[in-house]
Protein backbone atom coordinates (compact mmCIF):
# COMPACT_ATOMS: atom_id res chain seq x y z
CA MET A 1 50.49 -194.98 -77.25
CA ARG A 2 49.28 -191.58 -78.34
CA VAL A 3 45.99 -191.06 -80.18
CA VAL A 4 44.93 -187.99 -82.13
CA VAL A 5 41.65 -187.61 -83.98
CA ASP A 6 41.44 -185.18 -86.88
CA LEU A 7 38.09 -183.71 -85.90
CA SER A 8 37.86 -181.82 -89.18
CA ARG A 9 37.66 -185.23 -90.94
CA CYS A 10 35.58 -187.10 -88.34
CA GLN A 11 31.94 -187.37 -89.38
CA GLY A 12 30.65 -189.06 -86.23
CA TYR A 13 30.13 -192.55 -87.66
CA ALA A 14 31.20 -193.84 -84.21
CA GLN A 15 32.88 -197.02 -85.44
CA CYS A 16 35.69 -196.24 -83.00
CA ALA A 17 33.27 -195.97 -80.08
CA PHE A 18 31.91 -199.43 -80.80
CA LEU A 19 35.34 -201.04 -81.17
CA ALA A 20 37.17 -199.26 -78.33
CA PRO A 21 34.54 -197.89 -75.95
CA ASP A 22 37.06 -197.20 -73.17
CA ALA A 23 39.09 -194.94 -75.46
CA PHE A 24 36.38 -193.33 -77.64
CA ARG A 25 32.84 -192.23 -76.90
CA MET A 26 30.22 -190.09 -78.55
CA HIS A 27 28.92 -187.17 -76.53
CA GLY A 28 25.53 -186.25 -77.88
CA GLU A 29 24.94 -186.97 -81.54
CA GLU A 30 28.10 -185.51 -83.06
CA ALA A 31 30.84 -184.79 -80.52
CA LEU A 32 33.59 -187.39 -80.22
CA MET A 33 35.45 -187.60 -76.91
CA TYR A 34 38.62 -189.68 -76.78
CA ALA A 35 41.55 -190.60 -74.56
CA SER A 36 44.73 -189.12 -76.02
CA ASN A 37 46.95 -191.57 -74.11
CA PRO A 38 44.99 -194.81 -73.71
CA ASP A 39 46.26 -197.59 -71.50
CA ASP A 40 48.43 -200.30 -73.09
CA ALA A 41 45.71 -202.83 -72.28
CA GLN A 42 43.55 -201.04 -74.88
CA ARG A 43 46.20 -201.16 -77.61
CA GLN A 44 44.57 -203.79 -79.87
CA GLN A 45 41.10 -202.24 -79.55
CA VAL A 46 42.42 -198.78 -80.40
CA LEU A 47 44.35 -200.07 -83.42
CA ARG A 48 41.24 -201.89 -84.68
CA ALA A 49 39.15 -198.76 -84.15
CA ALA A 50 41.65 -196.64 -86.10
CA ALA A 51 41.69 -199.17 -88.94
CA ALA A 52 37.88 -199.27 -89.05
CA CYS A 53 37.40 -195.50 -89.27
CA PRO A 54 35.87 -194.95 -92.74
CA LEU A 55 37.52 -191.53 -93.02
CA GLN A 56 40.85 -192.54 -91.46
CA ALA A 57 40.54 -189.65 -89.01
CA ILE A 58 42.26 -191.51 -86.14
CA LEU A 59 46.02 -191.25 -85.98
CA VAL A 60 47.98 -193.55 -83.69
CA ASP A 61 51.58 -192.73 -82.84
CA GLN A 62 53.33 -196.08 -82.99
CA LEU A 63 56.45 -196.01 -80.85
CA LYS A 64 59.45 -198.24 -81.60
CA GLY A 65 57.45 -200.48 -83.91
CA ARG A 66 55.78 -202.39 -81.08
CA ASP A 67 52.33 -201.35 -82.31
CA ALA A 68 52.96 -202.49 -85.86
CA PRO A 69 50.33 -204.92 -87.11
CA VAL A 70 51.42 -208.54 -87.40
CA GLY A 71 53.26 -209.18 -90.65
CA THR A 72 54.68 -205.69 -91.05
CA SER A 73 58.14 -204.46 -90.25
CA PRO A 74 58.72 -201.35 -88.14
CA SER A 75 59.91 -198.25 -90.01
């Protein structure tokens, strides 16, 4: 899995840091630090964090449809 955060959109709400603390963390009051290639064990947490971002600033590269949410078909 590959994760990219559009830092020009991120406003530091830190929803991602609460939902996937091993992949995202706030440094200081405004700087987001994140793992660009989180472990597969973190997959569900990262996908939930991306979905919860109020500004949709977290992009997750979903390879071969295996990350697709339940009930959706891979593109």
